């Protein structure tokens, strides 16, 4: 009998470079849930308790905010991104 385990992306995000690349790729998707979910995966990889403490958010609030379908406020995104050791930036696209 073959046994399997649930795939958990957070188990493979083991360096800041991997985390950053994962978030950048998620930001390219038009669906905001993709980025919110990716932010949750990176927070889990870093440690939810640590991210909650550094962001000033409660751990339960953080889980709720980073759940797919949540209406995440920009202020919360900034707090979480900073707690993860990153910053958001913009660049000119080829489309404009």
PDB file of N, CA and C in Angstrom:
ATOM      1  N   UNK A   1       0.829  -1.174   0.000  1.00  0.00           N
ATOM      2  CA  UNK A   1       0.000   0.000   0.000  1.00  0.00           C
ATOM      3  C   UNK A   1       0.884   1.252   0.000  1.00  0.00           C
ATOM      4  N   UNK A   2       0.522   2.210  -0.814  1.00  0.00           N
ATOM      5  CA  UNK A   2       1.261   3.465  -0.898  1.00  0.00           C
ATOM      6  C   UNK A   2       0.623   4.477   0.046  1.00  0.00           C
ATOM      7  N   UNK A   3       1.459   5.116   0.836  1.00  0.00           N
ATOM      8  CA  UNK A   3       0.948   6.183   1.699  1.00  0.00           C
ATOM      9  C   UNK A   3       1.462   7.518   1.179  1.00  0.00           C
ATOM     10  N   UNK A   4       0.639   8.498   1.272  1.00  0.00           N
ATOM     11  CA  UNK A   4       1.016   9.834   0.824  1.00  0.00           C
ATOM     12  C   UNK A   4       0.773  10.822   1.940  1.00  0.00           C
ATOM     13  N   UNK A   5       1.392  11.956   1.813  1.00  0.00           N
ATOM     14  CA  UNK A   5       1.145  13.030   2.773  1.00  0.00           C
ATOM     15  C   UNK A   5       0.765  14.284   1.999  1.00  0.00           C
ATOM     16  N   UNK A   6       0.091  15.151   2.666  1.00  0.00           N
ATOM     17  CA  UNK A   6      -0.369  16.388   2.051  1.00  0.00           C
ATOM     18  C   UNK A   6       0.840  17.271   1.714  1.00  0.00           C
ATOM     19  N   UNK A   7       0.858  17.801   0.495  1.00  0.00           N
ATOM     20  CA  UNK A   7       1.933  18.700   0.075  1.00  0.00           C
ATOM     21  C   UNK A   7       1.782  20.034   0.786  1.00  0.00           C
ATOM     22  N   UNK A   8       2.832  20.502   1.385  1.00  0.00           N
ATOM     23  CA  UNK A   8       2.821  21.782   2.102  1.00  0.00           C
ATOM     24  C   UNK A   8       3.957  22.635   1.557  1.00  0.00           C
ATOM     25  N   UNK A   9       3.616  23.661   0.774  1.00  0.00           N
ATOM     26  CA  UNK A   9       4.627  24.515   0.139  1.00  0.00           C
ATOM     27  C   UNK A   9       5.535  25.172   1.172  1.00  0.00           C
ATOM     28  N   UNK A  10       5.000  25.484   2.342  1.00  0.00           N
ATOM     29  CA  UNK A  10       5.801  26.143   3.376  1.00  0.00           C
ATOM     30  C   UNK A  10       7.029  25.311   3.764  1.00  0.00           C
ATOM     31  N   UNK A  11       6.930  23.999   3.607  1.00  0.00           N
ATOM     32  CA  UNK A  11       8.064  23.122   3.932  1.00  0.00           C
ATOM     33  C   UNK A  11       9.239  23.313   2.976  1.00  0.00           C
ATOM     34  N   UNK A  12       8.988  23.904   1.818  1.00  0.00           N
ATOM     35  CA  UNK A  12      10.018  24.069   0.797  1.00  0.00           C
ATOM     36  C   UNK A  12      10.496  25.515   0.652  1.00  0.00           C
ATOM     37  N   UNK A  13       9.908  26.403   1.406  1.00  0.00           N
ATOM     38  CA  UNK A  13      10.326  27.812   1.377  1.00  0.00           C
ATOM     39  C   UNK A  13      11.329  28.018   2.504  1.00  0.00           C
ATOM     40  N   UNK A  14      12.552  27.594   2.262  1.00  0.00           N
ATOM     41  CA  UNK A  14      13.529  27.577   3.342  1.00  0.00           C
ATOM     42  C   UNK A  14      14.620  28.631   3.247  1.00  0.00           C
ATOM     43  N   UNK A  15      14.473  29.558   2.323  1.00  0.00           N
ATOM     44  CA  UNK A  15      15.435  30.661   2.271  1.00  0.00           C
ATOM     45  C   UNK A  15      14.686  31.945   1.917  1.00  0.00           C
ATOM     46  N   UNK A  16      15.204  33.084   2.348  1.00  0.00           N
ATOM     47  CA  UNK A  16      14.561  34.359   2.002  1.00  0.00           C
ATOM     48  C   UNK A  16      14.440  34.556   0.487  1.00  0.00           C
ATOM     49  N   UNK A  17      15.414  34.055  -0.256  1.00  0.00           N
ATOM     50  CA  UNK A  17      15.380  34.194  -1.719  1.00  0.00           C
ATOM     51  C   UNK A  17      14.212  33.396  -2.314  1.00  0.00           C
ATOM     52  N   UNK A  18      14.002  32.173  -1.814  1.00  0.00           N
ATOM     53  CA  UNK A  18      12.879  31.359  -2.284  1.00  0.00           C
ATOM     54  C   UNK A  18      11.549  32.020  -1.933  1.00  0.00           C
ATOM     55  N   UNK A  19      11.464  32.548  -0.732  1.00  0.00           N
ATOM     56  CA  UNK A  19      10.235  33.205  -0.283  1.00  0.00           C
ATOM     57  C   UNK A  19       9.928  34.430  -1.138  1.00  0.00           C
ATOM     58  N   UNK A  20      10.944  35.231  -1.396  1.00  0.00           N
ATOM     59  CA  UNK A  20      10.767  36.427  -2.201  1.00  0.00           C
ATOM     60  C   UNK A  20      10.340  36.077  -3.620  1.00  0.00           C
ATOM     61  N   UNK A  21      10.985  35.109  -4.222  1.00  0.00           N
ATOM     62  CA  UNK A  21      10.625  34.702  -5.579  1.00  0.00           C
ATOM     63  C   UNK A  21       9.186  34.182  -5.632  1.00  0.00           C
ATOM     64  N   UNK A  22       8.795  33.418  -4.635  1.00  0.00           N
ATOM     65  CA  UNK A  22       7.435  32.883  -4.554  1.00  0.00           C
ATOM     66  C   UNK A  22       6.412  34.022  -4.464  1.00  0.00           C
ATOM     67  N   UNK A  23       6.682  35.011  -3.618  1.00  0.00           N
ATOM     68  CA  UNK A  23       5.768  36.148  -3.480  1.00  0.00           C
ATOM     69  C   UNK A  23       5.712  36.987  -4.753  1.00  0.00           C
ATOM     70  N   UNK A  24       6.855  37.189  -5.390  1.00  0.00           N
ATOM     71  CA  UNK A  24       6.878  37.958  -6.646  1.00  0.00           C
ATOM     72  C   UNK A  24       6.054  37.271  -7.724  1.00  0.00           C
ATOM     73  N   UNK A  25       6.165  35.954  -7.818  1.00  0.00           N
ATOM     74  CA  UNK A  25       5.382  35.219  -8.808  1.00  0.00           C
ATOM     75  C   UNK A  25       3.888  35.311  -8.489  1.00  0.00           C
ATOM     76  N   UNK A  26       3.545  35.243  -7.219  1.00  0.00           N
ATOM     77  CA  UNK A  26       2.139  35.329  -6.817  1.00  0.00           C
ATOM     78  C   UNK A  26       1.554  36.706  -7.117  1.00  0.00           C
ATOM     79  N   UNK A  27       2.369  37.748  -6.996  1.00  0.00           N
ATOM     80  CA  UNK A  27       1.897  39.104  -7.268  1.00  0.00           C
ATOM     81  C   UNK A  27       1.554  39.313  -8.737  1.00  0.00           C
ATOM     82  N   UNK A  28       2.131  38.514  -9.606  1.00  0.00           N
ATOM     83  CA  UNK A  28       1.879  38.652 -11.033  1.00  0.00           C
ATOM     84  C   UNK A  28       0.490  38.147 -11.432  1.00  0.00           C
ATOM     85  N   UNK A  29      -0.119  37.343 -10.574  1.00  0.00           N
ATOM     86  CA  UNK A  29      -1.447  36.813 -10.871  1.00  0.00           C
ATOM     87  C   UNK A  29      -2.502  37.899 -10.634  1.00  0.00           C
ATOM     88  N   UNK A  30      -3.483  37.972 -11.509  1.00  0.00           N
ATOM     89  CA  UNK A  30      -4.536  38.980 -11.379  1.00  0.00           C
ATOM     90  C   UNK A  30      -5.471  38.712 -10.208  1.00  0.00           C
ATOM     91  N   UNK A  31      -5.546  37.479  -9.761  1.00  0.00           N
ATOM     92  CA  UNK A  31      -6.419  37.111  -8.651  1.00  0.00           C
ATOM     93  C   UNK A  31      -5.719  37.452  -7.335  1.00  0.00           C
ATOM     94  N   UNK A  32      -6.252  38.390  -6.546  1.00  0.00           N
ATOM     95  CA  UNK A  32      -5.583  38.770  -5.294  1.00  0.00           C
ATOM     96  C   UNK A  32      -5.486  37.634  -4.286  1.00  0.00           C
ATOM     97  N   UNK A  33      -6.366  36.639  -4.387  1.00  0.00           N
ATOM     98  CA  UNK A  33      -6.295  35.501  -3.469  1.00  0.00           C
ATOM     99  C   UNK A  33      -4.991  34.724  -3.622  1.00  0.00           C
ATOM    100  N   UNK A  34      -4.416  34.744  -4.808  1.00  0.00           N
ATOM    101  CA  UNK A  34      -3.152  34.029  -5.041  1.00  0.00           C
ATOM    102  C   UNK A  34      -2.045  34.660  -4.180  1.00  0.00           C
ATOM    103  N   UNK A  35      -1.981  35.988  -4.168  1.00  0.00           N
ATOM    104  CA  UNK A  35      -0.961  36.661  -3.353  1.00  0.00           C
ATOM    105  C   UNK A  35      -1.240  36.481  -1.859  1.00  0.00           C
ATOM    106  N   UNK A  36      -2.488  36.611  -1.462  1.00  0.00           N
ATOM    107  CA  UNK A  36      -2.841  36.454  -0.044  1.00  0.00           C
ATOM    108  C   UNK A  36      -2.465  35.053   0.439  1.00  0.00           C
ATOM    109  N   UNK A  37      -2.783  34.050  -0.359  1.00  0.00           N
ATOM    110  CA  UNK A  37      -2.444  32.670  -0.003  1.00  0.00           C
ATOM    111  C   UNK A  37      -0.933  32.476   0.068  1.00  0.00           C
ATOM    112  N   UNK A  38      -0.212  33.037  -0.897  1.00  0.00           N
ATOM    113  CA  UNK A  38       1.253  32.937  -0.899  1.00  0.00           C
ATOM    114  C   UNK A  38       1.845  33.624   0.326  1.00  0.00           C
ATOM    115  N   UNK A  39       1.302  34.764   0.690  1.00  0.00           N
ATOM    116  CA  UNK A  39       1.758  35.485   1.882  1.00  0.00           C
ATOM    117  C   UNK A  39       1.564  34.604   3.122  1.00  0.00           C
ATOM    118  N   UNK A  40       0.444  33.896   3.167  1.00  0.00           N
ATOM    119  CA  UNK A  40       0.193  32.958   4.263  1.00  0.00           C
ATOM    120  C   UNK A  40       1.181  31.813   4.286  1.00  0.00           C
ATOM    121  N   UNK A  41       1.528  31.286   3.113  1.00  0.00           N
ATOM    122  CA  UNK A  41       2.509  30.198   3.048  1.00  0.00           C
ATOM    123  C   UNK A  41       3.879  30.662   3.549  1.00  0.00           C
ATOM    124  N   UNK A  42       4.275  31.857   3.147  1.00  0.00           N
ATOM    125  CA  UNK A  42       5.579  32.381   3.574  1.00  0.00           C
ATOM    126  C   UNK A  42       5.566  32.664   5.076  1.00  0.00           C
ATOM    127  N   UNK A  43       4.467  33.211   5.571  1.00  0.00           N
ATOM    128  CA  UNK A  43       4.361  33.459   7.015  1.00  0.00           C
ATOM    129  C   UNK A  43       4.453  32.143   7.792  1.00  0.00           C
ATOM    130  N   UNK A  44       3.819  31.117   7.279  1.00  0.00           N
ATOM    131  CA  UNK A  44       3.886  29.803   7.936  1.00  0.00           C
ATOM    132  C   UNK A  44       5.310  29.264   7.914  1.00  0.00           C
ATOM    133  N   UNK A  45       5.998  29.448   6.792  1.00  0.00           N
ATOM    134  CA  UNK A  45       7.386  28.986   6.686  1.00  0.00           C
ATOM    135  C   UNK A  45       8.286  29.720   7.672  1.00  0.00           C
ATOM    136  N   UNK A  46       8.035  31.002   7.885  1.00  0.00           N
ATOM    137  CA  UNK A  46       8.843  31.802   8.819  1.00  0.00           C
ATOM    138  C   UNK A  46       8.470  31.523  10.264  1.00  0.00           C
ATOM    139  N   UNK A  47       7.207  31.132  10.467  1.00  0.00           N
ATOM    140  CA  UNK A  47       6.697  30.911  11.819  1.00  0.00           C
ATOM    141  C   UNK A  47       5.607  31.931  12.128  1.00  0.00           C
ATOM    142  N   UNK A  48       4.374  31.475  12.174  1.00  0.00           N
ATOM    143  CA  UNK A  48       3.240  32.386  12.369  1.00  0.00           C
ATOM    144  C   UNK A  48       3.366  33.200  13.649  1.00  0.00           C
ATOM    145  N   UNK A  49       3.812  32.578  14.713  1.00  0.00           N
ATOM    146  CA  UNK A  49       3.938  33.300  15.986  1.00  0.00           C
ATOM    147  C   UNK A  49       4.921  34.457  15.871  1.00  0.00           C
ATOM    148  N   UNK A  50       6.058  34.202  15.226  1.00  0.00           N
ATOM    149  CA  UNK A  50       7.068  35.243  15.050  1.00  0.00           C
ATOM    150  C   UNK A  50       6.537  36.364  14.159  1.00  0.00           C
ATOM    151  N   UNK A  51       5.880  36.010  13.059  1.00  0.00           N
ATOM    152  CA  UNK A  51       5.334  37.014  12.144  1.00  0.00           C
ATOM    153  C   UNK A  51       4.242  37.822  12.840  1.00  0.00           C
ATOM    154  N   UNK A  52       3.407  37.156  13.623  1.00  0.00           N
ATOM    155  CA  UNK A  52       2.350  37.855  14.362  1.00  0.00           C
ATOM    156  C   UNK A  52       2.963  38.867  15.331  1.00  0.00           C
ATOM    157  N   UNK A  53       3.978  38.438  16.049  1.00  0.00           N
ATOM    158  CA  UNK A  53       4.624  39.333  17.018  1.00  0.00           C
ATOM    159  C   UNK A  53       5.274  40.535  16.325  1.00  0.00           C
ATOM    160  N   UNK A  54       6.020  40.283  15.257  1.00  0.00           N
ATOM    161  CA  UNK A  54       6.715  41.363  14.555  1.00  0.00           C
ATOM    162  C   UNK A  54       5.761  42.316  13.832  1.00  0.00           C
ATOM    163  N   UNK A  55       4.609  41.800  13.422  1.00  0.00           N
ATOM    164  CA  UNK A  55       3.651  42.636  12.701  1.00  0.00           C
ATOM    165  C   UNK A  55       2.702  43.371  13.643  1.00  0.00           C
ATOM    166  N   UNK A  56       2.665  42.951  14.902  1.00  0.00           N
ATOM    167  CA  UNK A  56       1.750  43.574  15.857  1.00  0.00           C
ATOM    168  C   UNK A  56       0.329  43.036  15.751  1.00  0.00           C
ATOM    169  N   UNK A  57       0.166  41.936  15.044  1.00  0.00           N
ATOM    170  CA  UNK A  57      -1.148  41.321  14.893  1.00  0.00           C
ATOM    171  C   UNK A  57      -1.237  40.093  15.792  1.00  0.00           C
ATOM    172  N   UNK A  58      -2.433  39.767  16.228  1.00  0.00           N
ATOM    173  CA  UNK A  58      -2.631  38.534  16.974  1.00  0.00           C
ATOM    174  C   UNK A  58      -2.477  37.349  16.036  1.00  0.00           C
ATOM    175  N   UNK A  59      -2.043  36.220  16.569  1.00  0.00           N
ATOM    176  CA  UNK A  59      -1.821  35.044  15.742  1.00  0.00           C
ATOM    177  C   UNK A  59      -3.099  34.591  15.048  1.00  0.00           C
ATOM    178  N   UNK A  60      -4.197  34.567  15.772  1.00  0.00           N
ATOM    179  CA  UNK A  60      -5.478  34.171  15.181  1.00  0.00           C
ATOM    180  C   UNK A  60      -5.916  35.162  14.111  1.00  0.00           C
ATOM    181  N   UNK A  61      -5.695  36.448  14.370  1.00  0.00           N
ATOM    182  CA  UNK A  61      -6.031  37.475  13.377  1.00  0.00           C
ATOM    183  C   UNK A  61      -5.198  37.310  12.123  1.00  0.00           C
ATOM    184  N   UNK A  62      -3.950  36.933  12.302  1.00  0.00           N
ATOM    185  CA  UNK A  62      -3.059  36.729  11.168  1.00  0.00           C
ATOM    186  C   UNK A  62      -3.529  35.556  10.310  1.00  0.00           C
ATOM    187  N   UNK A  63      -3.868  34.451  10.948  1.00  0.00           N
ATOM    188  CA  UNK A  63      -4.398  33.301  10.209  1.00  0.00           C
ATOM    189  C   UNK A  63      -5.639  33.696   9.418  1.00  0.00           C
ATOM    190  N   UNK A  64      -6.534  34.428  10.065  1.00  0.00           N
ATOM    191  CA  UNK A  64      -7.780  34.849   9.417  1.00  0.00           C
ATOM    192  C   UNK A  64      -7.498  35.791   8.248  1.00  0.00           C
ATOM    193  N   UNK A  65      -6.579  36.733   8.438  1.00  0.00           N
ATOM    194  CA  UNK A  65      -6.265  37.724   7.401  1.00  0.00           C
ATOM    195  C   UNK A  65      -5.618  37.079   6.176  1.00  0.00           C
ATOM    196  N   UNK A  66      -4.836  36.026   6.386  1.00  0.00           N
ATOM    197  CA  UNK A  66      -4.092  35.410   5.285  1.00  0.00           C
ATOM    198  C   UNK A  66      -4.809  34.213   4.677  1.00  0.00           C
ATOM    199  N   UNK A  67      -6.070  34.089   4.976  1.00  0.00           N
ATOM    200  CA  UNK A  67      -6.892  33.017   4.413  1.00  0.00           C
ATOM    201  C   UNK A  67      -7.419  33.453   3.050  1.00  0.00           C
ATOM    202  N   UNK A  68      -7.404  32.552   2.099  1.00  0.00           N
ATOM    203  CA  UNK A  68      -7.919  32.862   0.770  1.00  0.00           C
ATOM    204  C   UNK A  68      -9.347  33.389   0.867  1.00  0.00           C
ATOM    205  N   UNK A  69      -9.615  34.470   0.148  1.00  0.00           N
ATOM    206  CA  UNK A  69     -10.940  35.072   0.154  1.00  0.00           C
ATOM    207  C   UNK A  69     -11.103  36.191   1.159  1.00  0.00           C
ATOM    208  N   UNK A  70     -10.081  36.408   1.992  1.00  0.00           N
ATOM    209  CA  UNK A  70     -10.183  37.492   2.961  1.00  0.00           C
ATOM    210  C   UNK A  70     -10.061  38.833   2.245  1.00  0.00           C
ATOM    211  N   UNK A  71     -10.596  39.835   2.835  1.00  0.00           N
ATOM    212  CA  UNK A  71     -10.507  41.195   2.293  1.00  0.00           C
ATOM    213  C   UNK A  71      -9.369  41.901   3.037  1.00  0.00           C
ATOM    214  N   UNK A  72      -8.171  41.544   2.674  1.00  0.00           N
ATOM    215  CA  UNK A  72      -6.958  42.029   3.345  1.00  0.00           C
ATOM    216  C   UNK A  72      -6.746  43.510   3.074  1.00  0.00           C
ATOM    217  N   UNK A  73      -6.566  44.272   4.131  1.00  0.00           N
ATOM    218  CA  UNK A  73      -6.307  45.710   3.992  1.00  0.00           C
ATOM    219  C   UNK A  73      -4.838  45.941   3.661  1.00  0.00           C
ATOM    220  N   UNK A  74      -4.590  47.022   2.943  1.00  0.00           N
ATOM    221  CA  UNK A  74      -3.220  47.370   2.556  1.00  0.00           C
ATOM    222  C   UNK A  74      -2.331  47.523   3.797  1.00  0.00           C
ATOM    223  N   UNK A  75      -2.858  48.119   4.830  1.00  0.00           N
ATOM    224  CA  UNK A  75      -2.102  48.314   6.071  1.00  0.00           C
ATOM    225  C   UNK A  75      -1.631  46.968   6.640  1.00  0.00           C
ATOM    226  N   UNK A  76      -2.490  45.970   6.579  1.00  0.00           N
ATOM    227  CA  UNK A  76      -2.133  44.645   7.074  1.00  0.00           C
ATOM    228  C   UNK A  76      -1.080  44.004   6.181  1.00  0.00           C
ATOM    229  N   UNK A  77      -1.229  44.162   4.877  1.00  0.00           N
ATOM    230  CA  UNK A  77      -0.225  43.635   3.938  1.00  0.00           C
ATOM    231  C   UNK A  77       1.137  44.227   4.273  1.00  0.00           C
ATOM    232  N   UNK A  78       1.184  45.540   4.460  1.00  0.00           N
ATOM    233  CA  UNK A  78       2.451  46.210   4.779  1.00  0.00           C
ATOM    234  C   UNK A  78       3.069  45.660   6.062  1.00  0.00           C
ATOM    235  N   UNK A  79       2.249  45.489   7.091  1.00  0.00           N
ATOM    236  CA  UNK A  79       2.758  44.969   8.366  1.00  0.00           C
ATOM    237  C   UNK A  79       3.332  43.568   8.208  1.00  0.00           C
ATOM    238  N   UNK A  80       2.619  42.715   7.487  1.00  0.00           N
ATOM    239  CA  UNK A  80       3.066  41.337   7.306  1.00  0.00           C
ATOM    240  C   UNK A  80       4.320  41.285   6.442  1.00  0.00           C
ATOM    241  N   UNK A  81       4.321  42.021   5.347  1.00  0.00           N
ATOM    242  CA  UNK A  81       5.481  42.040   4.455  1.00  0.00           C
ATOM    243  C   UNK A  81       6.718  42.531   5.212  1.00  0.00           C
ATOM    244  N   UNK A  82       6.569  43.575   6.010  1.00  0.00           N
ATOM    245  CA  UNK A  82       7.696  44.081   6.806  1.00  0.00           C
ATOM    246  C   UNK A  82       8.150  43.050   7.835  1.00  0.00           C
ATOM    247  N   UNK A  83       7.192  42.380   8.486  1.00  0.00           N
ATOM    248  CA  UNK A  83       7.538  41.364   9.483  1.00  0.00           C
ATOM    249  C   UNK A  83       8.299  40.208   8.845  1.00  0.00           C
ATOM    250  N   UNK A  84       8.048  39.958   7.565  1.00  0.00           N
ATOM    251  CA  UNK A  84       8.752  38.899   6.848  1.00  0.00           C
ATOM    252  C   UNK A  84      10.137  39.341   6.373  1.00  0.00           C
ATOM    253  N   UNK A  85      10.425  40.627   6.522  1.00  0.00           N
ATOM    254  CA  UNK A  85      11.735  41.133   6.118  1.00  0.00           C
ATOM    255  C   UNK A  85      11.794  41.613   4.685  1.00  0.00           C
ATOM    256  N   UNK A  86      10.634  41.907   4.101  1.00  0.00           N
ATOM    257  CA  UNK A  86      10.563  42.368   2.718  1.00  0.00           C
ATOM    258  C   UNK A  86       9.898  43.736   2.651  1.00  0.00           C
ATOM    259  N   UNK A  87       9.865  44.301   1.449  1.00  0.00           N
ATOM    260  CA  UNK A  87       9.126  45.535   1.210  1.00  0.00           C
ATOM    261  C   UNK A  87       8.493  45.439  -0.162  1.00  0.00           C
ATOM    262  N   UNK A  88       7.396  46.137  -0.346  1.00  0.00           N
ATOM    263  CA  UNK A  88       6.724  46.160  -1.632  1.00  0.00           C
ATOM    264  C   UNK A  88       7.317  47.292  -2.467  1.00  0.00           C
ATOM    265  N   UNK A  89       7.410  47.079  -3.763  1.00  0.00           N
ATOM    266  CA  UNK A  89       7.882  48.135  -4.658  1.00  0.00           C
ATOM    267  C   UNK A  89       7.175  47.993  -5.990  1.00  0.00           C
ATOM    268  N   UNK A  90       7.260  49.040  -6.781  1.00  0.00           N
ATOM    269  CA  UNK A  90       6.644  49.052  -8.095  1.00  0.00           C
ATOM    270  C   UNK A  90       7.715  49.231  -9.156  1.00  0.00           C
ATOM    271  N   UNK A  91       7.401  48.757 -10.338  1.00  0.00           N
ATOM    272  CA  UNK A  91       8.275  48.996 -11.485  1.00  0.00           C
ATOM    273  C   UNK A  91       7.410  49.182 -12.705  1.00  0.00           C
ATOM    274  N   UNK A  92       7.917  49.879 -13.682  1.00  0.00           N
ATOM    275  CA  UNK A  92       7.184  50.149 -14.903  1.00  0.00           C
ATOM    276  C   UNK A  92       7.015  48.853 -15.688  1.00  0.00           C
ATOM    277  N   UNK A  93       5.794  48.657 -16.176  1.00  0.00           N
ATOM    278  CA  UNK A  93       5.538  47.453 -16.976  1.00  0.00           C
ATOM    279  C   UNK A  93       5.724  47.760 -18.442  1.00  0.00           C
ATOM    280  N   UNK A  94       5.827  46.737 -19.251  1.00  0.00           N
ATOM    281  CA  UNK A  94       5.960  46.898 -20.689  1.00  0.00           C
ATOM    282  C   UNK A  94       4.649  47.321 -21.329  1.00  0.00           C
ATOM    283  N   UNK A  95       3.541  47.086 -20.631  1.00  0.00           N
ATOM    284  CA  UNK A  95       2.210  47.379 -21.193  1.00  0.00           C
ATOM    285  C   UNK A  95       1.901  48.862 -21.206  1.00  0.00           C
ATOM    286  N   UNK A  96       2.515  49.625 -20.351  1.00  0.00           N
ATOM    287  CA  UNK A  96       2.186  51.066 -20.272  1.00  0.00           C
ATOM    288  C   UNK A  96       3.080  51.917 -21.133  1.00  0.00           C
TER     289      UNK A  96
END
